PDB file of N, CA and C in Angstrom:
ATOM      1  N   MET A   1     -65.469 -14.763 -26.778  1.00  0.00           N
ATOM      2  CA  MET A   1     -66.970 -13.827 -26.873  1.00  0.00           C
ATOM      3  C   MET A   1     -66.393 -12.216 -25.823  1.00  0.00           C
ATOM      4  N   ALA A   2     -66.822 -11.352 -26.554  1.00  0.00           N
ATOM      5  CA  ALA A   2     -66.456 -10.079 -25.821  1.00  0.00           C
ATOM      6  C   ALA A   2     -67.390  -9.606 -25.032  1.00  0.00           C
ATOM      7  N   ILE A   3     -68.414 -10.131 -23.955  1.00  0.00           N
ATOM      8  CA  ILE A   3     -70.202  -8.833 -24.005  1.00  0.00           C
ATOM      9  C   ILE A   3     -68.755  -8.538 -22.758  1.00  0.00           C
ATOM     10  N   VAL A   4     -69.274  -7.310 -22.989  1.00  0.00           N
ATOM     11  CA  VAL A   4     -69.463  -6.318 -22.014  1.00  0.00           C
ATOM     12  C   VAL A   4     -70.804  -5.959 -21.094  1.00  0.00           C
ATOM     13  N   ALA A   5     -70.222  -6.108 -19.993  1.00  0.00           N
ATOM     14  CA  ALA A   5     -71.831  -5.565 -19.348  1.00  0.00           C
ATOM     15  C   ALA A   5     -71.804  -4.383 -17.917  1.00  0.00           C
ATOM     16  N   PRO A   6     -72.190  -3.373 -17.470  1.00  0.00           N
ATOM     17  CA  PRO A   6     -71.764  -3.091 -16.625  1.00  0.00           C
ATOM     18  C   PRO A   6     -72.231  -4.010 -14.980  1.00  0.00           C
ATOM     19  N   PHE A   7     -72.727  -4.982 -15.002  1.00  0.00           N
ATOM     20  CA  PHE A   7     -73.401  -5.699 -13.916  1.00  0.00           C
ATOM     21  C   PHE A   7     -72.182  -6.785 -13.660  1.00  0.00           C
ATOM     22  N   LYS A   8     -71.989  -7.352 -12.419  1.00  0.00           N
ATOM     23  CA  LYS A   8     -71.951  -8.289 -12.054  1.00  0.00           C
ATOM     24  C   LYS A   8     -71.727  -9.969 -13.383  1.00  0.00           C
ATOM     25  N   ASN A   9     -72.445 -10.053 -13.617  1.00  0.00           N
ATOM     26  CA  ASN A   9     -72.378 -11.409 -14.407  1.00  0.00           C
ATOM     27  C   ASN A   9     -73.988 -11.453 -15.049  1.00  0.00           C
ATOM     28  N   LEU A  10     -74.680 -11.815 -16.160  1.00  0.00           N
ATOM     29  CA  LEU A  10     -76.264 -11.915 -16.808  1.00  0.00           C
ATOM     30  C   LEU A  10     -76.880 -12.687 -16.446  1.00  0.00           C
ATOM     31  N   ALA A  11     -76.443 -13.967 -14.783  1.00  0.00           N
ATOM     32  CA  ALA A  11     -77.486 -14.566 -14.289  1.00  0.00           C
ATOM     33  C   ALA A  11     -77.792 -13.210 -13.147  1.00  0.00           C
ATOM     34  N   PHE A  12     -76.707 -12.692 -12.595  1.00  0.00           N
ATOM     35  CA  PHE A  12     -76.774 -11.543 -11.407  1.00  0.00           C
ATOM     36  C   PHE A  12     -77.876 -10.474 -12.528  1.00  0.00           C
ATOM     37  N   LEU A  13     -77.807  -9.827 -13.670  1.00  0.00           N
ATOM     38  CA  LEU A  13     -78.973  -9.056 -14.025  1.00  0.00           C
ATOM     39  C   LEU A  13     -80.251  -9.917 -14.174  1.00  0.00           C
ATOM     40  N   GLU A  14     -80.051 -11.428 -14.577  1.00  0.00           N
ATOM     41  CA  GLU A  14     -81.854 -11.882 -14.602  1.00  0.00           C
ATOM     42  C   GLU A  14     -82.633 -11.783 -13.820  1.00  0.00           C
ATOM     43  N   ASP A  15     -81.487 -12.554 -12.258  1.00  0.00           N
ATOM     44  CA  ASP A  15     -81.918 -11.983 -11.022  1.00  0.00           C
ATOM     45  C   ASP A  15     -82.612 -11.007 -10.859  1.00  0.00           C
ATOM     46  N   GLN A  16     -81.847  -9.525 -10.860  1.00  0.00           N
ATOM     47  CA  GLN A  16     -82.666  -8.464 -10.450  1.00  0.00           C
ATOM     48  C   GLN A  16     -83.610  -8.030 -11.382  1.00  0.00           C
ATOM     49  N   LEU A  17     -83.798  -7.911 -12.215  1.00  0.00           N
ATOM     50  CA  LEU A  17     -84.827  -8.243 -13.566  1.00  0.00           C
ATOM     51  C   LEU A  17     -86.139  -8.871 -12.960  1.00  0.00           C
ATOM     52  N   THR A  18     -85.722  -9.651 -12.583  1.00  0.00           N
ATOM     53  CA  THR A  18     -87.183 -11.130 -12.331  1.00  0.00           C
ATOM     54  C   THR A  18     -87.591 -10.408 -11.037  1.00  0.00           C
ATOM     55  N   ALA A  19     -86.877  -9.988 -10.149  1.00  0.00           N
ATOM     56  CA  ALA A  19     -87.434  -9.745  -8.871  1.00  0.00           C
ATOM     57  C   ALA A  19     -88.247  -8.031  -9.051  1.00  0.00           C
ATOM     58  N   LEU A  20     -87.478  -7.425  -9.818  1.00  0.00           N
ATOM     59  CA  LEU A  20     -88.021  -6.006 -10.378  1.00  0.00           C
ATOM     60  C   LEU A  20     -89.264  -5.973 -11.284  1.00  0.00           C
ATOM     61  N   THR A  21     -89.071  -7.500 -11.935  1.00  0.00           N
ATOM     62  CA  THR A  21     -91.082  -7.551 -12.479  1.00  0.00           C
ATOM     63  C   THR A  21     -91.804  -8.196 -11.285  1.00  0.00           C
ATOM     64  N   LEU A  22     -91.236  -9.033 -10.539  1.00  0.00           N
ATOM     65  CA  LEU A  22     -92.171  -9.378  -9.545  1.00  0.00           C
ATOM     66  C   LEU A  22     -92.931  -8.279  -9.085  1.00  0.00           C
ATOM     67  N   ASP A  23     -91.808  -7.391  -8.394  1.00  0.00           N
ATOM     68  CA  ASP A  23     -92.251  -6.295  -7.852  1.00  0.00           C
ATOM     69  C   ASP A  23     -93.168  -5.543  -8.136  1.00  0.00           C
ATOM     70  N   ILE A  24     -93.370  -4.979  -9.981  1.00  0.00           N
ATOM     71  CA  ILE A  24     -93.707  -4.195 -10.344  1.00  0.00           C
ATOM     72  C   ILE A  24     -96.085  -5.049 -10.406  1.00  0.00           C
ATOM     73  N   ARG A  25     -95.486  -6.005 -10.594  1.00  0.00           N
ATOM     74  CA  ARG A  25     -96.807  -7.026 -11.441  1.00  0.00           C
ATOM     75  C   ARG A  25     -97.292  -7.069  -9.469  1.00  0.00           C
ATOM     76  N   ASN A  26     -96.758  -7.211  -8.340  1.00  0.00           N
ATOM     77  CA  ASN A  26     -97.303  -6.560  -7.139  1.00  0.00           C
ATOM     78  C   ASN A  26     -97.888  -5.392  -7.116  1.00  0.00           C
ATOM     79  N   LEU A  27     -97.493  -4.508  -7.327  1.00  0.00           N
ATOM     80  CA  LEU A  27     -97.290  -2.803  -6.913  1.00  0.00           C
ATOM     81  C   LEU A  27     -98.725  -2.696  -8.385  1.00  0.00           C
ATOM     82  N   ARG A  28     -98.760  -3.088  -9.120  1.00  0.00           N
ATOM     83  CA  ARG A  28    -100.192  -3.327 -10.086  1.00  0.00           C
ATOM     84  C   ARG A  28    -100.879  -3.564  -9.459  1.00  0.00           C
ATOM     85  N   VAL A  29    -100.898  -4.884  -9.110  1.00  0.00           N
ATOM     86  CA  VAL A  29    -102.415  -5.510  -8.442  1.00  0.00           C
ATOM     87  C   VAL A  29    -102.644  -5.591  -7.126  1.00  0.00           C
ATOM     88  N   ILE A  30    -102.243  -4.893  -6.646  1.00  0.00           N
ATOM     89  CA  ILE A  30    -102.705  -4.787  -4.707  1.00  0.00           C
ATOM     90  C   ILE A  30    -102.229  -3.188  -4.540  1.00  0.00           C
ATOM     91  N   GLY A  31    -101.563  -2.295  -5.008  1.00  0.00           N
ATOM     92  CA  GLY A  31    -101.937  -0.826  -5.496  1.00  0.00           C
ATOM     93  C   GLY A  31    -100.682  -0.553  -4.536  1.00  0.00           C
ATOM     94  N   LYS A  32    -100.118  -1.612  -3.387  1.00  0.00           N
ATOM     95  CA  LYS A  32     -98.794  -1.310  -2.667  1.00  0.00           C
ATOM     96  C   LYS A  32     -97.688  -2.342  -2.364  1.00  0.00           C
ATOM     97  N   PRO A  33     -96.608  -2.084  -1.636  1.00  0.00           N
ATOM     98  CA  PRO A  33     -95.918  -3.353  -1.055  1.00  0.00           C
ATOM     99  C   PRO A  33     -96.285  -3.991  -0.441  1.00  0.00           C
ATOM    100  N   HIS A  34     -96.015  -5.420  -0.445  1.00  0.00           N
ATOM    101  CA  HIS A  34     -95.938  -6.832   0.302  1.00  0.00           C
ATOM    102  C   HIS A  34     -95.712  -5.678   1.304  1.00  0.00           C
ATOM    103  N   LEU A  35     -96.356  -6.291   2.910  1.00  0.00           N
ATOM    104  CA  LEU A  35     -95.944  -5.626   4.467  1.00  0.00           C
ATOM    105  C   LEU A  35     -94.564  -6.501   5.273  1.00  0.00           C
ATOM    106  N   SER A  36     -94.093  -7.345   4.261  1.00  0.00           N
ATOM    107  CA  SER A  36     -92.756  -8.476   4.623  1.00  0.00           C
ATOM    108  C   SER A  36     -92.050  -7.400   4.070  1.00  0.00           C
ATOM    109  N   ASP A  37     -92.116  -6.930   2.317  1.00  0.00           N
ATOM    110  CA  ASP A  37     -90.821  -6.531   1.936  1.00  0.00           C
ATOM    111  C   ASP A  37     -90.840  -5.079   2.572  1.00  0.00           C
ATOM    112  N   LEU A  38     -91.742  -4.254   3.191  1.00  0.00           N
ATOM    113  CA  LEU A  38     -91.585  -3.477   3.998  1.00  0.00           C
ATOM    114  C   LEU A  38     -90.732  -3.586   5.291  1.00  0.00           C
ATOM    115  N   GLU A  39     -90.606  -4.673   5.591  1.00  0.00           N
ATOM    116  CA  GLU A  39     -90.734  -5.006   6.785  1.00  0.00           C
ATOM    117  C   GLU A  39     -89.027  -4.832   7.381  1.00  0.00           C
ATOM    118  N   ALA A  40     -88.767  -6.225   5.874  1.00  0.00           N
ATOM    119  CA  ALA A  40     -86.861  -6.094   5.441  1.00  0.00           C
ATOM    120  C   ALA A  40     -86.548  -5.135   5.174  1.00  0.00           C
ATOM    121  N   ALA A  41     -87.310  -4.056   4.357  1.00  0.00           N
ATOM    122  CA  ALA A  41     -86.278  -2.737   4.087  1.00  0.00           C
ATOM    123  C   ALA A  41     -85.358  -1.884   4.817  1.00  0.00           C
ATOM    124  N   PRO A  42     -84.212  -1.476   4.273  1.00  0.00           N
ATOM    125  CA  PRO A  42     -84.052  -0.670   4.942  1.00  0.00           C
ATOM    126  C   PRO A  42     -84.395   0.919   5.363  1.00  0.00           C
ATOM    127  N   ILE A  43     -83.996   1.548   6.523  1.00  0.00           N
ATOM    128  CA  ILE A  43     -84.742   3.269   6.434  1.00  0.00           C
ATOM    129  C   ILE A  43     -83.480   3.668   5.513  1.00  0.00           C
ATOM    130  N   LEU A  44     -84.282   4.813   4.901  1.00  0.00           N
ATOM    131  CA  LEU A  44     -83.334   5.859   4.410  1.00  0.00           C
ATOM    132  C   LEU A  44     -83.674   7.349   5.108  1.00  0.00           C
ATOM    133  N   GLU A  45     -83.061   7.693   5.695  1.00  0.00           N
ATOM    134  CA  GLU A  45     -83.229   9.097   6.598  1.00  0.00           C
ATOM    135  C   GLU A  45     -82.464  10.297   5.528  1.00  0.00           C
ATOM    136  N   GLY A  46     -82.522  11.502   5.460  1.00  0.00           N
ATOM    137  CA  GLY A  46     -82.811  12.716   4.562  1.00  0.00           C
ATOM    138  C   GLY A  46     -82.443  12.209   3.901  1.00  0.00           C
ATOM    139  N   TRP A  47     -83.183  12.033   2.950  1.00  0.00           N
ATOM    140  CA  TRP A  47     -83.274  11.110   1.194  1.00  0.00           C
ATOM    141  C   TRP A  47     -83.603  12.782   1.464  1.00  0.00           C
ATOM    142  N   ALA A  48     -83.017  12.404  -0.481  1.00  0.00           N
ATOM    143  CA  ALA A  48     -83.419  13.586  -1.438  1.00  0.00           C
ATOM    144  C   ALA A  48     -82.875  13.115  -2.867  1.00  0.00           C
ATOM    145  N   LEU A  49     -83.856  13.502  -3.595  1.00  0.00           N
ATOM    146  CA  LEU A  49     -83.754  12.848  -5.351  1.00  0.00           C
ATOM    147  C   LEU A  49     -82.640  13.381  -5.536  1.00  0.00           C
ATOM    148  N   GLY A  50     -82.018  12.840  -6.446  1.00  0.00           N
ATOM    149  CA  GLY A  50     -80.729  12.571  -7.475  1.00  0.00           C
ATOM    150  C   GLY A  50     -80.272  11.448  -8.257  1.00  0.00           C
ATOM    151  N   GLU A  51     -80.074  11.876  -9.053  1.00  0.00           N
ATOM    152  CA  GLU A  51     -79.377  11.433 -10.556  1.00  0.00           C
ATOM    153  C   GLU A  51     -78.534  10.941 -10.665  1.00  0.00           C
ATOM    154  N   LEU A  52     -78.354   9.214 -11.461  1.00  0.00           N
ATOM    155  CA  LEU A  52     -76.893   8.254 -11.516  1.00  0.00           C
ATOM    156  C   LEU A  52     -76.442   8.339 -12.774  1.00  0.00           C
ATOM    157  N   VAL A  53     -75.383   8.534 -13.095  1.00  0.00           N
ATOM    158  CA  VAL A  53     -74.649   8.225 -14.261  1.00  0.00           C
ATOM    159  C   VAL A  53     -74.961   7.290 -14.911  1.00  0.00           C
ATOM    160  N   ALA A  54     -75.038   6.811 -15.536  1.00  0.00           N
ATOM    161  CA  ALA A  54     -75.441   5.674 -16.642  1.00  0.00           C
ATOM    162  C   ALA A  54     -74.633   5.182 -17.780  1.00  0.00           C
ATOM    163  N   PRO A  55     -74.486   4.132 -18.354  1.00  0.00           N
ATOM    164  CA  PRO A  55     -73.253   3.645 -19.181  1.00  0.00           C
ATOM    165  C   PRO A  55     -74.375   3.585 -20.524  1.00  0.00           C
ATOM    166  N   CYS A  56     -73.873   4.750 -21.517  1.00  0.00           N
ATOM    167  CA  CYS A  56     -74.669   3.882 -23.125  1.00  0.00           C
ATOM    168  C   CYS A  56     -74.362   4.077 -24.218  1.00  0.00           C
ATOM    169  N   LEU A  57     -74.409   4.128 -25.047  1.00  0.00           N
ATOM    170  CA  LEU A  57     -73.695   4.223 -25.925  1.00  0.00           C
ATOM    171  C   LEU A  57     -74.332   5.466 -27.327  1.00  0.00           C
ATOM    172  N   LEU A  58     -73.112   6.139 -27.845  1.00  0.00           N
ATOM    173  CA  LEU A  58     -73.681   7.389 -28.742  1.00  0.00           C
ATOM    174  C   LEU A  58     -72.959   7.289 -29.729  1.00  0.00           C
ATOM    175  N   GLY A  59     -73.567   7.751 -30.897  1.00  0.00           N
ATOM    176  CA  GLY A  59     -73.274   7.353 -32.440  1.00  0.00           C
ATOM    177  C   GLY A  59     -74.338   7.847 -33.366  1.00  0.00           C
ATOM    178  N   ALA A  60     -74.367   7.566 -34.432  1.00  0.00           N
ATOM    179  CA  ALA A  60     -75.022   7.755 -35.838  1.00  0.00           C
ATOM    180  C   ALA A  60     -75.936   6.527 -35.882  1.00  0.00           C
ATOM    181  N   VAL A  61     -77.400   6.741 -35.650  1.00  0.00           N
ATOM    182  CA  VAL A  61     -78.468   5.512 -35.581  1.00  0.00           C
ATOM    183  C   VAL A  61     -79.163   5.799 -37.189  1.00  0.00           C
ATOM    184  N   ILE A  62     -79.042   4.284 -37.803  1.00  0.00           N
ATOM    185  CA  ILE A  62     -79.769   4.906 -38.936  1.00  0.00           C
ATOM    186  C   ILE A  62     -80.712   3.411 -39.030  1.00  0.00           C
ATOM    187  N   GLY A  63     -82.113   4.026 -39.163  1.00  0.00           N
ATOM    188  CA  GLY A  63     -83.227   3.133 -39.177  1.00  0.00           C
ATOM    189  C   GLY A  63     -83.686   2.881 -37.869  1.00  0.00           C
ATOM    190  N   HIS A  64     -83.722   4.153 -37.286  1.00  0.00           N
ATOM    191  CA  HIS A  64     -84.288   3.471 -35.618  1.00  0.00           C
ATOM    192  C   HIS A  64     -86.231   3.639 -35.860  1.00  0.00           C
ATOM    193  N   PRO A  65     -86.863   2.513 -34.964  1.00  0.00           N
ATOM    194  CA  PRO A  65     -88.156   2.674 -35.288  1.00  0.00           C
ATOM    195  C   PRO A  65     -88.439   3.879 -34.854  1.00  0.00           C
ATOM    196  N   LEU A  66     -87.806   4.513 -33.526  1.00  0.00           N
ATOM    197  CA  LEU A  66     -88.541   5.978 -33.441  1.00  0.00           C
ATOM    198  C   LEU A  66     -88.276   7.434 -34.020  1.00  0.00           C
ATOM    199  N   LEU A  67     -86.627   7.427 -34.124  1.00  0.00           N
ATOM    200  CA  LEU A  67     -85.924   8.250 -34.616  1.00  0.00           C
ATOM    201  C   LEU A  67     -85.702   7.953 -36.096  1.00  0.00           C
ATOM    202  N   GLY A  68     -85.862   7.515 -36.348  1.00  0.00           N
ATOM    203  CA  GLY A  68     -85.483   7.577 -38.054  1.00  0.00           C
ATOM    204  C   GLY A  68     -83.728   7.183 -37.609  1.00  0.00           C
ATOM    205  N   SER A  69     -83.799   7.901 -38.898  1.00  0.00           N
ATOM    206  CA  SER A  69     -81.958   8.135 -39.327  1.00  0.00           C
ATOM    207  C   SER A  69     -81.695   9.252 -38.685  1.00  0.00           C
ATOM    208  N   ARG A  70     -80.579   9.357 -37.868  1.00  0.00           N
ATOM    209  CA  ARG A  70     -79.633  11.114 -37.297  1.00  0.00           C
ATOM    210  C   ARG A  70     -78.239  10.171 -36.959  1.00  0.00           C
ATOM    211  N   PRO A  71     -77.511  11.502 -37.133  1.00  0.00           N
ATOM    212  CA  PRO A  71     -75.896  12.155 -37.254  1.00  0.00           C
ATOM    213  C   PRO A  71     -75.509  11.986 -35.606  1.00  0.00           C
ATOM    214  N   HIS A  72     -76.418  12.496 -34.671  1.00  0.00           N
ATOM    215  CA  HIS A  72     -76.251  11.683 -33.312  1.00  0.00           C
ATOM    216  C   HIS A  72     -77.412  11.903 -32.115  1.00  0.00           C
ATOM    217  N   ILE A  73     -77.143  10.560 -31.965  1.00  0.00           N
ATOM    218  CA  ILE A  73     -77.897   9.894 -30.924  1.00  0.00           C
ATOM    219  C   ILE A  73     -77.400   9.498 -29.324  1.00  0.00           C
ATOM    220  N   HIS A  74     -77.629   9.526 -28.553  1.00  0.00           N
ATOM    221  CA  HIS A  74     -77.470   8.747 -27.228  1.00  0.00           C
ATOM    222  C   HIS A  74     -78.798   7.753 -26.929  1.00  0.00           C
ATOM    223  N   THR A  75     -78.335   6.449 -26.822  1.00  0.00           N
ATOM    224  CA  THR A  75     -79.099   5.683 -26.628  1.00  0.00           C
ATOM    225  C   THR A  75     -79.656   5.552 -25.075  1.00  0.00           C
ATOM    226  N   SER A  76     -80.444   4.533 -24.605  1.00  0.00           N
ATOM    227  CA  SER A  76     -81.057   5.030 -23.085  1.00  0.00           C
ATOM    228  C   SER A  76     -79.803   3.543 -22.620  1.00  0.00           C
ATOM    229  N   GLN A  77     -79.714   3.673 -21.535  1.00  0.00           N
ATOM    230  CA  GLN A  77     -78.624   2.728 -20.706  1.00  0.00           C
ATOM    231  C   GLN A  77     -78.035   1.286 -21.368  1.00  0.00           C
ATOM    232  N   LEU A  78     -77.233   1.531 -21.410  1.00  0.00           N
ATOM    233  CA  LEU A  78     -76.440  -0.181 -21.840  1.00  0.00           C
ATOM    234  C   LEU A  78     -76.512  -1.434 -20.796  1.00  0.00           C
ATOM    235  N   VAL A  79     -76.868  -2.386 -21.930  1.00  0.00           N
ATOM    236  CA  VAL A  79     -77.530  -3.463 -20.639  1.00  0.00           C
ATOM    237  C   VAL A  79     -76.109  -4.225 -20.940  1.00  0.00           C
ATOM    238  N   VAL A  80     -76.025  -4.548 -22.049  1.00  0.00           N
ATOM    239  CA  VAL A  80     -74.647  -5.709 -22.414  1.00  0.00           C
ATOM    240  C   VAL A  80     -74.430  -5.512 -24.181  1.00  0.00           C
ATOM    241  N   MET A  81     -72.658  -5.960 -24.725  1.00  0.00           N
ATOM    242  CA  MET A  81     -72.489  -5.397 -26.045  1.00  0.00           C
ATOM    243  C   MET A  81     -71.643  -6.763 -25.917  1.00  0.00           C
ATOM    244  N   ASP A  82     -71.928  -7.221 -27.261  1.00  0.00           N
ATOM    245  CA  ASP A  82     -71.031  -7.938 -27.689  1.00  0.00           C
ATOM    246  C   ASP A  82     -69.774  -7.599 -28.736  1.00  0.00           C
ATOM    247  N   THR A  83     -68.770  -6.315 -28.484  1.00  0.00           N
ATOM    248  CA  THR A  83     -68.599  -5.910 -29.323  1.00  0.00           C
ATOM    249  C   THR A  83     -67.842  -6.659 -30.876  1.00  0.00           C
ATOM    250  N   ASP A  84     -67.252  -7.887 -30.270  1.00  0.00           N
ATOM    251  CA  ASP A  84     -66.399  -9.753 -31.120  1.00  0.00           C
ATOM    252  C   ASP A  84     -67.994  -9.399 -32.667  1.00  0.00           C
ATOM    253  N   LEU A  85     -68.901  -9.471 -32.076  1.00  0.00           N
ATOM    254  CA  LEU A  85     -70.318  -9.943 -32.731  1.00  0.00           C
ATOM    255  C   LEU A  85     -71.080  -8.824 -33.126  1.00  0.00           C
ATOM    256  N   GLY A  86     -71.047  -7.619 -32.855  1.00  0.00           N
ATOM    257  CA  GLY A  86     -71.579  -7.340 -33.240  1.00  0.00           C
ATOM    258  C   GLY A  86     -72.738  -6.269 -32.195  1.00  0.00           C
ATOM    259  N   TRP A  87     -73.115  -6.501 -31.527  1.00  0.00           N
ATOM    260  CA  TRP A  87     -74.383  -5.844 -31.221  1.00  0.00           C
ATOM    261  C   TRP A  87     -74.386  -5.688 -29.912  1.00  0.00           C
ATOM    262  N   ALA A  88     -75.747  -5.098 -29.518  1.00  0.00           N
ATOM    263  CA  ALA A  88     -75.796  -4.294 -28.169  1.00  0.00           C
ATOM    264  C   ALA A  88     -76.317  -4.110 -27.187  1.00  0.00           C
ATOM    265  N   ARG A  89     -77.274  -4.555 -26.561  1.00  0.00           N
ATOM    266  CA  ARG A  89     -78.767  -4.444 -25.731  1.00  0.00           C
ATOM    267  C   ARG A  89     -78.448  -3.272 -25.388  1.00  0.00           C
ATOM    268  N   THR A  90     -79.879  -2.096 -25.211  1.00  0.00           N
ATOM    269  CA  THR A  90     -80.056  -1.263 -23.884  1.00  0.00           C
ATOM    270  C   THR A  90     -81.074  -1.225 -23.580  1.00  0.00           C
ATOM    271  N   TRP A  91     -81.809  -0.309 -22.503  1.00  0.00           N
ATOM    272  CA  TRP A  91     -82.635  -0.571 -21.475  1.00  0.00           C
ATOM    273  C   TRP A  91     -83.821  -1.147 -22.809  1.00  0.00           C
ATOM    274  N   SER A  92     -84.035  -0.180 -23.812  1.00  0.00           N
ATOM    275  CA  SER A  92     -84.705  -0.486 -24.840  1.00  0.00           C
ATOM    276  C   SER A  92     -84.560  -1.245 -25.828  1.00  0.00           C
ATOM    277  N   ARG A  93     -83.622  -1.110 -26.429  1.00  0.00           N
ATOM    278  CA  ARG A  93     -83.872  -2.499 -27.955  1.00  0.00           C
ATOM    279  C   ARG A  93     -82.353  -3.068 -28.083  1.00  0.00           C
ATOM    280  N   PHE A  94     -81.756  -3.650 -29.395  1.00  0.00           N
ATOM    281  CA  PHE A  94     -81.014  -3.930 -29.876  1.00  0.00           C
ATOM    282  C   PHE A  94     -80.247  -2.959 -30.274  1.00  0.00           C
ATOM    283  N   TYR A  95     -79.256  -3.030 -30.112  1.00  0.00           N
ATOM    284  CA  TYR A  95     -78.762  -2.078 -31.674  1.00  0.00           C
ATOM    285  C   TYR A  95     -77.424  -2.937 -32.441  1.00  0.00           C
ATOM    286  N   ARG A  96     -77.433  -2.971 -33.832  1.00  0.00           N
ATOM    287  CA  ARG A  96     -76.093  -3.875 -34.941  1.00  0.00           C
ATOM    288  C   ARG A  96     -75.090  -2.644 -34.684  1.00  0.00           C
ATOM    289  N   LEU A  97     -74.030  -2.833 -33.820  1.00  0.00           N
ATOM    290  CA  LEU A  97     -72.394  -2.014 -34.109  1.00  0.00           C
ATOM    291  C   LEU A  97     -72.094  -1.387 -35.396  1.00  0.00           C
ATOM    292  N   GLY A  98     -71.634  -1.238 -35.699  1.00  0.00           N
ATOM    293  CA  GLY A  98     -70.913  -0.766 -37.154  1.00  0.00           C
ATOM    294  C   GLY A  98     -69.109   0.271 -36.804  1.00  0.00           C
ATOM    295  N   GLU A  99     -68.869   0.498 -37.394  1.00  0.00           N
ATOM    296  CA  GLU A  99     -67.874   0.690 -37.607  1.00  0.00           C
ATOM    297  C   GLU A  99     -67.754   1.176 -35.872  1.00  0.00           C
ATOM    298  N   ARG A 100     -66.807   1.391 -35.557  1.00  0.00           N
ATOM    299  CA  ARG A 100     -66.081   2.443 -33.694  1.00  0.00           C
ATOM    300  C   ARG A 100     -65.809   3.709 -33.662  1.00  0.00           C
ATOM    301  N   SER A 101     -65.946   4.220 -32.898  1.00  0.00           N
ATOM    302  CA  SER A 101     -65.519   5.852 -33.070  1.00  0.00           C
ATOM    303  C   SER A 101     -64.111   6.145 -32.673  1.00  0.00           C
ATOM    304  N   GLY A 102     -63.033   6.752 -32.859  1.00  0.00           N
ATOM    305  CA  GLY A 102     -62.004   6.833 -33.087  1.00  0.00           C
ATOM    306  C   GLY A 102     -61.784   8.209 -31.781  1.00  0.00           C
ATOM    307  N   ILE A 103     -62.937   8.571 -31.674  1.00  0.00           N
ATOM    308  CA  ILE A 103     -63.080   9.849 -29.980  1.00  0.00           C
ATOM    309  C   ILE A 103     -62.909   8.437 -28.862  1.00  0.00           C
ATOM    310  N   PRO A 104     -61.367   9.271 -28.254  1.00  0.00           N
ATOM    311  CA  PRO A 104     -61.459   8.466 -26.476  1.00  0.00           C
ATOM    312  C   PRO A 104     -62.770   8.672 -25.582  1.00  0.00           C
ATOM    313  N   ARG A 105     -62.129   7.464 -24.872  1.00  0.00           N
ATOM    314  CA  ARG A 105     -63.747   7.320 -23.475  1.00  0.00           C
ATOM    315  C   ARG A 105     -63.417   8.360 -22.756  1.00  0.00           C
ATOM    316  N   ARG A 106     -64.473   8.976 -22.383  1.00  0.00           N
ATOM    317  CA  ARG A 106     -64.020  10.244 -21.287  1.00  0.00           C
ATOM    318  C   ARG A 106     -64.233   9.469 -19.942  1.00  0.00           C
ATOM    319  N   HIS A 107     -63.529   9.510 -19.173  1.00  0.00           N
ATOM    320  CA  HIS A 107     -62.804   9.645 -17.890  1.00  0.00           C
ATOM    321  C   HIS A 107     -64.006   9.956 -17.191  1.00  0.00           C
TER     322      HIS A 107
END
């Protein structure tokens, strides 16, 4: 099985997402982080907002629930995909993979 993921492995991804989900739930209910979480957190000095480049898929989409069918889109962040079985999971949804583009990957 040719699973490609930009994470260490699926168990690591699951653990990270579970921890994030619990933190978001606590923030929603309590309105702020637990004191123990903040005490254990590193300090970030001289901080500024930035952007990360994240892997995504490009292509023509057919039957997207929000976009319909369009000749050119980019997906949300790629989480995992199996090119042998023809599927991908992005942050927002699954995609069935059709023919791969002949365009070389940008480095």
